[in-house]
PDB file of N, CA and C in Angstrom:
ATOM      1  N   UNK A   1    -168.772 -50.635-195.181  1.00  0.00           N
ATOM      2  CA  UNK A   1    -169.279 -50.494-196.355  1.00  0.00           C
ATOM      3  C   UNK A   1    -169.795 -48.965-197.044  1.00  0.00           C
ATOM      4  N   UNK A   2    -169.532 -48.707-198.474  1.00  0.00           N
ATOM      5  CA  UNK A   2    -169.992 -47.682-198.762  1.00  0.00           C
ATOM      6  C   UNK A   2    -171.502 -47.656-198.846  1.00  0.00           C
ATOM      7  N   UNK A   3    -172.012 -46.691-198.767  1.00  0.00           N
ATOM      8  CA  UNK A   3    -173.539 -46.625-198.789  1.00  0.00           C
ATOM      9  C   UNK A   3    -173.888 -45.742-199.559  1.00  0.00           C
ATOM     10  N   UNK A   4    -173.444 -44.967-200.294  1.00  0.00           N
ATOM     11  CA  UNK A   4    -173.818 -43.580-201.271  1.00  0.00           C
ATOM     12  C   UNK A   4    -173.141 -44.277-202.685  1.00  0.00           C
ATOM     13  N   UNK A   5    -174.057 -43.893-203.679  1.00  0.00           N
ATOM     14  CA  UNK A   5    -173.116 -44.336-205.217  1.00  0.00           C
ATOM     15  C   UNK A   5    -171.720 -43.918-205.136  1.00  0.00           C
ATOM     16  N   UNK A   6    -171.367 -42.503-204.674  1.00  0.00           N
ATOM     17  CA  UNK A   6    -170.542 -41.933-204.733  1.00  0.00           C
ATOM     18  C   UNK A   6    -169.407 -42.558-203.987  1.00  0.00           C
ATOM     19  N   UNK A   7    -169.548 -43.089-202.861  1.00  0.00           N
ATOM     20  CA  UNK A   7    -168.856 -43.501-202.070  1.00  0.00           C
ATOM     21  C   UNK A   7    -168.537 -45.161-202.598  1.00  0.00           C
ATOM     22  N   UNK A   8    -169.304 -45.828-203.261  1.00  0.00           N
ATOM     23  CA  UNK A   8    -168.769 -46.859-203.896  1.00  0.00           C
ATOM     24  C   UNK A   8    -168.463 -46.949-204.968  1.00  0.00           C
ATOM     25  N   UNK A   9    -168.419 -45.968-205.951  1.00  0.00           N
ATOM     26  CA  UNK A   9    -167.594 -45.836-207.043  1.00  0.00           C
ATOM     27  C   UNK A   9    -166.130 -45.313-206.603  1.00  0.00           C
ATOM     28  N   UNK A  10    -166.173 -44.394-205.589  1.00  0.00           N
ATOM     29  CA  UNK A  10    -164.852 -44.509-205.044  1.00  0.00           C
ATOM     30  C   UNK A  10    -164.005 -45.671-204.611  1.00  0.00           C
ATOM     31  N   UNK A  11    -164.681 -46.412-203.978  1.00  0.00           N
ATOM     32  CA  UNK A  11    -163.924 -47.729-203.572  1.00  0.00           C
ATOM     33  C   UNK A  11    -163.830 -48.587-204.744  1.00  0.00           C
ATOM     34  N   UNK A  12    -164.480 -48.479-205.810  1.00  0.00           N
ATOM     35  CA  UNK A  12    -164.001 -49.173-206.921  1.00  0.00           C
ATOM     36  C   UNK A  12    -162.822 -48.603-207.588  1.00  0.00           C
ATOM     37  N   UNK A  13    -162.809 -47.334-207.632  1.00  0.00           N
ATOM     38  CA  UNK A  13    -161.563 -46.664-208.137  1.00  0.00           C
ATOM     39  C   UNK A  13    -160.430 -46.963-207.605  1.00  0.00           C
ATOM     40  N   UNK A  14    -160.466 -47.163-205.839  1.00  0.00           N
ATOM     41  CA  UNK A  14    -159.670 -46.903-204.978  1.00  0.00           C
ATOM     42  C   UNK A  14    -158.721 -48.435-205.629  1.00  0.00           C
ATOM     43  N   UNK A  15    -159.618 -49.308-205.461  1.00  0.00           N
ATOM     44  CA  UNK A  15    -159.258 -50.988-205.731  1.00  0.00           C
ATOM     45  C   UNK A  15    -158.200 -50.893-207.301  1.00  0.00           C
ATOM     46  N   UNK A  16    -158.755 -50.186-208.190  1.00  0.00           N
ATOM     47  CA  UNK A  16    -158.145 -49.863-209.196  1.00  0.00           C
ATOM     48  C   UNK A  16    -157.003 -49.482-209.269  1.00  0.00           C
ATOM     49  N   UNK A  17    -156.601 -48.410-208.679  1.00  0.00           N
ATOM     50  CA  UNK A  17    -155.729 -47.165-208.406  1.00  0.00           C
ATOM     51  C   UNK A  17    -154.465 -48.174-207.536  1.00  0.00           C
ATOM     52  N   UNK A  18    -154.980 -48.768-206.590  1.00  0.00           N
ATOM     53  CA  UNK A  18    -154.023 -49.669-205.667  1.00  0.00           C
ATOM     54  C   UNK A  18    -153.270 -50.487-206.668  1.00  0.00           C
ATOM     55  N   UNK A  19    -154.192 -51.363-207.354  1.00  0.00           N
ATOM     56  CA  UNK A  19    -153.427 -52.287-208.140  1.00  0.00           C
ATOM     57  C   UNK A  19    -152.284 -51.977-209.030  1.00  0.00           C
ATOM     58  N   UNK A  20    -152.726 -50.580-209.679  1.00  0.00           N
ATOM     59  CA  UNK A  20    -151.642 -49.974-210.621  1.00  0.00           C
ATOM     60  C   UNK A  20    -150.509 -49.254-209.763  1.00  0.00           C
ATOM     61  N   UNK A  21    -150.844 -48.831-208.548  1.00  0.00           N
ATOM     62  CA  UNK A  21    -149.710 -48.356-208.170  1.00  0.00           C
ATOM     63  C   UNK A  21    -148.853 -49.787-207.435  1.00  0.00           C
ATOM     64  N   UNK A  22    -149.508 -50.843-206.987  1.00  0.00           N
ATOM     65  CA  UNK A  22    -148.466 -51.865-206.644  1.00  0.00           C
ATOM     66  C   UNK A  22    -147.914 -52.422-207.973  1.00  0.00           C
ATOM     67  N   UNK A  23    -148.164 -52.592-209.145  1.00  0.00           N
ATOM     68  CA  UNK A  23    -147.594 -52.480-210.403  1.00  0.00           C
ATOM     69  C   UNK A  23    -146.150 -51.695-210.134  1.00  0.00           C
ATOM     70  N   UNK A  24    -146.240 -50.432-210.308  1.00  0.00           N
ATOM     71  CA  UNK A  24    -145.289 -49.473-209.992  1.00  0.00           C
ATOM     72  C   UNK A  24    -144.348 -49.511-209.264  1.00  0.00           C
ATOM     73  N   UNK A  25    -144.607 -50.026-208.046  1.00  0.00           N
ATOM     74  CA  UNK A  25    -143.529 -50.292-207.004  1.00  0.00           C
ATOM     75  C   UNK A  25    -143.017 -51.646-206.968  1.00  0.00           C
ATOM     76  N   UNK A  26    -143.711 -52.566-207.668  1.00  0.00           N
ATOM     77  CA  UNK A  26    -142.988 -53.626-208.148  1.00  0.00           C
ATOM     78  C   UNK A  26    -141.708 -53.329-209.196  1.00  0.00           C
ATOM     79  N   UNK A  27    -142.218 -52.410-209.947  1.00  0.00           N
ATOM     80  CA  UNK A  27    -141.080 -52.179-211.019  1.00  0.00           C
ATOM     81  C   UNK A  27    -139.914 -51.692-210.588  1.00  0.00           C
ATOM     82  N   UNK A  28    -140.120 -50.495-209.518  1.00  0.00           N
ATOM     83  CA  UNK A  28    -139.144 -50.250-208.858  1.00  0.00           C
ATOM     84  C   UNK A  28    -138.329 -51.003-208.055  1.00  0.00           C
ATOM     85  N   UNK A  29    -138.827 -51.812-207.473  1.00  0.00           N
ATOM     86  CA  UNK A  29    -138.094 -53.077-206.495  1.00  0.00           C
ATOM     87  C   UNK A  29    -137.243 -53.881-207.527  1.00  0.00           C
ATOM     88  N   UNK A  30    -137.788 -53.996-208.708  1.00  0.00           N
ATOM     89  CA  UNK A  30    -137.055 -54.739-209.975  1.00  0.00           C
ATOM     90  C   UNK A  30    -136.134 -54.050-210.222  1.00  0.00           C
ATOM     91  N   UNK A  31    -136.038 -52.872-210.370  1.00  0.00           N
ATOM     92  CA  UNK A  31    -135.053 -51.964-211.248  1.00  0.00           C
ATOM     93  C   UNK A  31    -133.881 -51.998-210.195  1.00  0.00           C
ATOM     94  N   UNK A  32    -134.114 -51.820-208.559  1.00  0.00           N
ATOM     95  CA  UNK A  32    -133.176 -51.642-207.709  1.00  0.00           C
ATOM     96  C   UNK A  32    -132.376 -53.006-207.678  1.00  0.00           C
ATOM     97  N   UNK A  33    -133.232 -53.797-207.820  1.00  0.00           N
ATOM     98  CA  UNK A  33    -132.696 -55.477-207.581  1.00  0.00           C
ATOM     99  C   UNK A  33    -131.473 -55.819-208.804  1.00  0.00           C
ATOM    100  N   UNK A  34    -131.909 -55.203-209.976  1.00  0.00           N
ATOM    101  CA  UNK A  34    -131.156 -55.418-211.056  1.00  0.00           C
ATOM    102  C   UNK A  34    -129.692 -54.777-210.842  1.00  0.00           C
ATOM    103  N   UNK A  35    -129.685 -53.631-210.588  1.00  0.00           N
ATOM    104  CA  UNK A  35    -128.794 -52.497-210.319  1.00  0.00           C
ATOM    105  C   UNK A  35    -127.639 -53.513-209.107  1.00  0.00           C
ATOM    106  N   UNK A  36    -128.436 -54.029-208.145  1.00  0.00           N
ATOM    107  CA  UNK A  36    -127.470 -54.517-206.776  1.00  0.00           C
ATOM    108  C   UNK A  36    -127.172 -55.888-207.455  1.00  0.00           C
ATOM    109  N   UNK A  37    -127.533 -56.695-208.163  1.00  0.00           N
ATOM    110  CA  UNK A  37    -127.323 -57.967-208.843  1.00  0.00           C
ATOM    111  C   UNK A  37    -125.660 -57.312-209.895  1.00  0.00           C
ATOM    112  N   UNK A  38    -125.864 -56.245-210.452  1.00  0.00           N
ATOM    113  CA  UNK A  38    -124.961 -56.205-211.485  1.00  0.00           C
ATOM    114  C   UNK A  38    -123.716 -55.457-210.588  1.00  0.00           C
ATOM    115  N   UNK A  39    -124.005 -55.039-209.353  1.00  0.00           N
ATOM    116  CA  UNK A  39    -122.953 -54.319-208.281  1.00  0.00           C
ATOM    117  C   UNK A  39    -122.432 -55.953-207.812  1.00  0.00           C
ATOM    118  N   UNK A  40    -122.845 -56.762-207.486  1.00  0.00           N
ATOM    119  CA  UNK A  40    -122.683 -57.865-206.889  1.00  0.00           C
ATOM    120  C   UNK A  40    -121.621 -58.816-207.876  1.00  0.00           C
ATOM    121  N   UNK A  41    -122.084 -58.698-209.388  1.00  0.00           N
ATOM    122  CA  UNK A  41    -121.564 -59.203-210.111  1.00  0.00           C
ATOM    123  C   UNK A  41    -120.082 -58.621-210.260  1.00  0.00           C
ATOM    124  N   UNK A  42    -119.621 -57.698-209.571  1.00  0.00           N
ATOM    125  CA  UNK A  42    -118.532 -56.830-209.575  1.00  0.00           C
ATOM    126  C   UNK A  42    -118.194 -55.915-210.951  1.00  0.00           C
ATOM    127  N   UNK A  43    -118.964 -56.137-211.989  1.00  0.00           N
ATOM    128  CA  UNK A  43    -118.671 -55.284-213.235  1.00  0.00           C
ATOM    129  C   UNK A  43    -119.221 -54.123-213.440  1.00  0.00           C
ATOM    130  N   UNK A  44    -118.120 -53.151-213.369  1.00  0.00           N
ATOM    131  CA  UNK A  44    -118.500 -51.609-212.892  1.00  0.00           C
ATOM    132  C   UNK A  44    -119.259 -51.167-214.079  1.00  0.00           C
ATOM    133  N   UNK A  45    -118.590 -51.311-215.429  1.00  0.00           N
ATOM    134  CA  UNK A  45    -119.447 -50.990-216.473  1.00  0.00           C
ATOM    135  C   UNK A  45    -120.770 -51.203-216.509  1.00  0.00           C
ATOM    136  N   UNK A  46    -121.130 -52.639-216.600  1.00  0.00           N
ATOM    137  CA  UNK A  46    -122.184 -53.300-216.533  1.00  0.00           C
ATOM    138  C   UNK A  46    -123.121 -52.415-215.436  1.00  0.00           C
ATOM    139  N   UNK A  47    -122.717 -52.493-214.321  1.00  0.00           N
ATOM    140  CA  UNK A  47    -123.628 -51.724-213.212  1.00  0.00           C
ATOM    141  C   UNK A  47    -124.007 -50.286-213.357  1.00  0.00           C
ATOM    142  N   UNK A  48    -122.940 -49.672-214.266  1.00  0.00           N
ATOM    143  CA  UNK A  48    -123.506 -48.345-214.381  1.00  0.00           C
ATOM    144  C   UNK A  48    -124.318 -48.393-215.446  1.00  0.00           C
ATOM    145  N   UNK A  49    -124.234 -48.837-216.726  1.00  0.00           N
ATOM    146  CA  UNK A  49    -125.271 -48.814-217.786  1.00  0.00           C
ATOM    147  C   UNK A  49    -126.444 -49.132-216.979  1.00  0.00           C
ATOM    148  N   UNK A  50    -126.651 -50.441-216.281  1.00  0.00           N
ATOM    149  CA  UNK A  50    -127.737 -50.855-215.814  1.00  0.00           C
ATOM    150  C   UNK A  50    -128.684 -49.728-214.517  1.00  0.00           C
ATOM    151  N   UNK A  51    -127.757 -49.078-213.915  1.00  0.00           N
ATOM    152  CA  UNK A  51    -128.268 -47.813-213.060  1.00  0.00           C
ATOM    153  C   UNK A  51    -128.305 -46.635-213.921  1.00  0.00           C
ATOM    154  N   UNK A  52    -128.077 -46.765-214.864  1.00  0.00           N
ATOM    155  CA  UNK A  52    -128.340 -45.201-215.689  1.00  0.00           C
ATOM    156  C   UNK A  52    -129.912 -45.541-216.223  1.00  0.00           C
ATOM    157  N   UNK A  53    -130.156 -47.253-216.852  1.00  0.00           N
ATOM    158  CA  UNK A  53    -131.373 -47.083-217.251  1.00  0.00           C
ATOM    159  C   UNK A  53    -132.447 -46.998-216.082  1.00  0.00           C
ATOM    160  N   UNK A  54    -132.098 -47.679-214.770  1.00  0.00           N
ATOM    161  CA  UNK A  54    -132.602 -47.547-213.656  1.00  0.00           C
ATOM    162  C   UNK A  54    -133.221 -46.106-213.024  1.00  0.00           C
ATOM    163  N   UNK A  55    -132.229 -45.569-213.092  1.00  0.00           N
ATOM    164  CA  UNK A  55    -132.438 -43.901-212.622  1.00  0.00           C
ATOM    165  C   UNK A  55    -133.749 -43.209-213.349  1.00  0.00           C
ATOM    166  N   UNK A  56    -134.131 -43.485-214.500  1.00  0.00           N
ATOM    167  CA  UNK A  56    -135.471 -43.255-215.058  1.00  0.00           C
ATOM    168  C   UNK A  56    -136.613 -43.679-214.506  1.00  0.00           C
ATOM    169  N   UNK A  57    -136.312 -45.209-214.085  1.00  0.00           N
ATOM    170  CA  UNK A  57    -137.561 -45.929-213.617  1.00  0.00           C
ATOM    171  C   UNK A  57    -137.786 -45.221-212.186  1.00  0.00           C
ATOM    172  N   UNK A  58    -136.753 -45.005-211.296  1.00  0.00           N
ATOM    173  CA  UNK A  58    -136.881 -44.513-210.077  1.00  0.00           C
ATOM    174  C   UNK A  58    -137.386 -43.159-210.083  1.00  0.00           C
ATOM    175  N   UNK A  59    -137.287 -42.067-210.930  1.00  0.00           N
ATOM    176  CA  UNK A  59    -137.472 -40.807-211.030  1.00  0.00           C
ATOM    177  C   UNK A  59    -138.871 -40.621-211.552  1.00  0.00           C
ATOM    178  N   UNK A  60    -139.412 -41.494-212.387  1.00  0.00           N
ATOM    179  CA  UNK A  60    -140.851 -41.535-212.955  1.00  0.00           C
ATOM    180  C   UNK A  60    -141.689 -42.004-211.746  1.00  0.00           C
ATOM    181  N   UNK A  61    -141.134 -42.919-210.895  1.00  0.00           N
ATOM    182  CA  UNK A  61    -142.105 -43.325-209.838  1.00  0.00           C
ATOM    183  C   UNK A  61    -142.187 -42.382-208.952  1.00  0.00           C
ATOM    184  N   UNK A  62    -141.090 -41.919-208.707  1.00  0.00           N
ATOM    185  CA  UNK A  62    -141.167 -40.635-207.458  1.00  0.00           C
ATOM    186  C   UNK A  62    -142.264 -39.580-208.121  1.00  0.00           C
ATOM    187  N   UNK A  63    -142.122 -39.186-209.278  1.00  0.00           N
ATOM    188  CA  UNK A  63    -143.229 -38.119-209.850  1.00  0.00           C
ATOM    189  C   UNK A  63    -144.566 -38.399-209.808  1.00  0.00           C
ATOM    190  N   UNK A  64    -144.691 -39.781-210.019  1.00  0.00           N
ATOM    191  CA  UNK A  64    -146.218 -40.050-209.524  1.00  0.00           C
ATOM    192  C   UNK A  64    -146.567 -40.320-208.234  1.00  0.00           C
ATOM    193  N   UNK A  65    -145.760 -40.007-207.383  1.00  0.00           N
ATOM    194  CA  UNK A  65    -145.736 -39.853-205.608  1.00  0.00           C
ATOM    195  C   UNK A  65    -145.991 -41.496-205.140  1.00  0.00           C
ATOM    196  N   UNK A  66    -145.636 -42.257-206.062  1.00  0.00           N
ATOM    197  CA  UNK A  66    -145.505 -43.593-205.563  1.00  0.00           C
ATOM    198  C   UNK A  66    -144.622 -44.014-204.293  1.00  0.00           C
ATOM    199  N   UNK A  67    -143.738 -43.067-204.318  1.00  0.00           N
ATOM    200  CA  UNK A  67    -142.408 -43.226-203.360  1.00  0.00           C
ATOM    201  C   UNK A  67    -142.068 -41.602-203.126  1.00  0.00           C
ATOM    202  N   UNK A  68    -141.596 -41.149-202.072  1.00  0.00           N
ATOM    203  CA  UNK A  68    -140.923 -39.784-201.840  1.00  0.00           C
ATOM    204  C   UNK A  68    -139.990 -39.373-202.603  1.00  0.00           C
ATOM    205  N   UNK A  69    -139.959 -38.066-202.949  1.00  0.00           N
ATOM    206  CA  UNK A  69    -139.129 -37.789-203.872  1.00  0.00           C
ATOM    207  C   UNK A  69    -137.707 -37.892-202.866  1.00  0.00           C
ATOM    208  N   UNK A  70    -137.355 -37.676-201.810  1.00  0.00           N
ATOM    209  CA  UNK A  70    -136.394 -38.002-200.907  1.00  0.00           C
ATOM    210  C   UNK A  70    -135.940 -39.509-200.956  1.00  0.00           C
ATOM    211  N   UNK A  71    -136.960 -40.328-200.796  1.00  0.00           N
ATOM    212  CA  UNK A  71    -136.683 -41.853-200.830  1.00  0.00           C
ATOM    213  C   UNK A  71    -136.210 -41.913-202.487  1.00  0.00           C
ATOM    214  N   UNK A  72    -136.352 -41.366-203.494  1.00  0.00           N
ATOM    215  CA  UNK A  72    -135.972 -41.727-204.669  1.00  0.00           C
ATOM    216  C   UNK A  72    -134.310 -41.692-204.531  1.00  0.00           C
ATOM    217  N   UNK A  73    -134.436 -40.058-204.129  1.00  0.00           N
ATOM    218  CA  UNK A  73    -132.873 -39.489-204.173  1.00  0.00           C
ATOM    219  C   UNK A  73    -132.061 -40.555-203.299  1.00  0.00           C
ATOM    220  N   UNK A  74    -132.446 -40.798-202.096  1.00  0.00           N
ATOM    221  CA  UNK A  74    -131.779 -42.101-201.429  1.00  0.00           C
ATOM    222  C   UNK A  74    -131.294 -43.097-202.124  1.00  0.00           C
ATOM    223  N   UNK A  75    -132.052 -43.965-202.839  1.00  0.00           N
ATOM    224  CA  UNK A  75    -131.791 -45.122-203.449  1.00  0.00           C
ATOM    225  C   UNK A  75    -130.597 -44.836-204.556  1.00  0.00           C
ATOM    226  N   UNK A  76    -131.333 -43.853-205.294  1.00  0.00           N
ATOM    227  CA  UNK A  76    -130.112 -43.247-206.199  1.00  0.00           C
ATOM    228  C   UNK A  76    -128.625 -42.908-205.691  1.00  0.00           C
ATOM    229  N   UNK A  77    -128.682 -42.389-204.719  1.00  0.00           N
ATOM    230  CA  UNK A  77    -127.275 -42.022-204.035  1.00  0.00           C
ATOM    231  C   UNK A  77    -126.744 -43.287-203.278  1.00  0.00           C
ATOM    232  N   UNK A  78    -127.424 -44.335-202.864  1.00  0.00           N
ATOM    233  CA  UNK A  78    -126.830 -45.467-202.202  1.00  0.00           C
ATOM    234  C   UNK A  78    -126.398 -46.422-203.267  1.00  0.00           C
ATOM    235  N   UNK A  79    -127.021 -46.499-204.586  1.00  0.00           N
ATOM    236  CA  UNK A  79    -126.449 -47.093-205.440  1.00  0.00           C
ATOM    237  C   UNK A  79    -125.793 -46.627-206.302  1.00  0.00           C
ATOM    238  N   UNK A  80    -125.467 -45.022-206.361  1.00  0.00           N
ATOM    239  CA  UNK A  80    -124.063 -44.716-207.167  1.00  0.00           C
ATOM    240  C   UNK A  80    -123.178 -45.066-206.220  1.00  0.00           C
ATOM    241  N   UNK A  81    -123.182 -44.835-204.740  1.00  0.00           N
ATOM    242  CA  UNK A  81    -121.791 -45.026-204.311  1.00  0.00           C
ATOM    243  C   UNK A  81    -121.501 -46.205-204.047  1.00  0.00           C
ATOM    244  N   UNK A  82    -122.308 -47.231-204.130  1.00  0.00           N
ATOM    245  CA  UNK A  82    -121.853 -48.781-204.304  1.00  0.00           C
ATOM    246  C   UNK A  82    -121.272 -48.808-205.479  1.00  0.00           C
ATOM    247  N   UNK A  83    -121.415 -48.012-206.644  1.00  0.00           N
ATOM    248  CA  UNK A  83    -120.883 -48.309-208.001  1.00  0.00           C
ATOM    249  C   UNK A  83    -119.550 -47.985-208.097  1.00  0.00           C
ATOM    250  N   UNK A  84    -119.627 -46.454-207.384  1.00  0.00           N
ATOM    251  CA  UNK A  84    -118.150 -45.858-207.322  1.00  0.00           C
ATOM    252  C   UNK A  84    -117.283 -46.910-206.298  1.00  0.00           C
ATOM    253  N   UNK A  85    -117.868 -47.366-205.157  1.00  0.00           N
ATOM    254  CA  UNK A  85    -116.920 -48.207-204.626  1.00  0.00           C
ATOM    255  C   UNK A  85    -116.077 -49.271-205.201  1.00  0.00           C
ATOM    256  N   UNK A  86    -116.580 -49.778-206.318  1.00  0.00           N
ATOM    257  CA  UNK A  86    -116.259 -51.122-207.044  1.00  0.00           C
ATOM    258  C   UNK A  86    -114.629 -50.847-207.622  1.00  0.00           C
TER     259      UNK A  86
END
């Protein structure tokens, strides 16, 4: 348990920041699922449209260090390859 006032404040801030980060990570997962669902439906143009929308979300979350930039690039690359193979 935090003993000093500074440590107590940091603990409170950490809880709020964690909740915020979890929301962003959830948005990332949702964006990826939307693209995979569009790929699964087999409609290439719809999948491309959803992918273009999701790219911005993936990049912005990587910029905020919620996930590593290489992980974001890997997600985008694999989704793009799956769309191309349709």
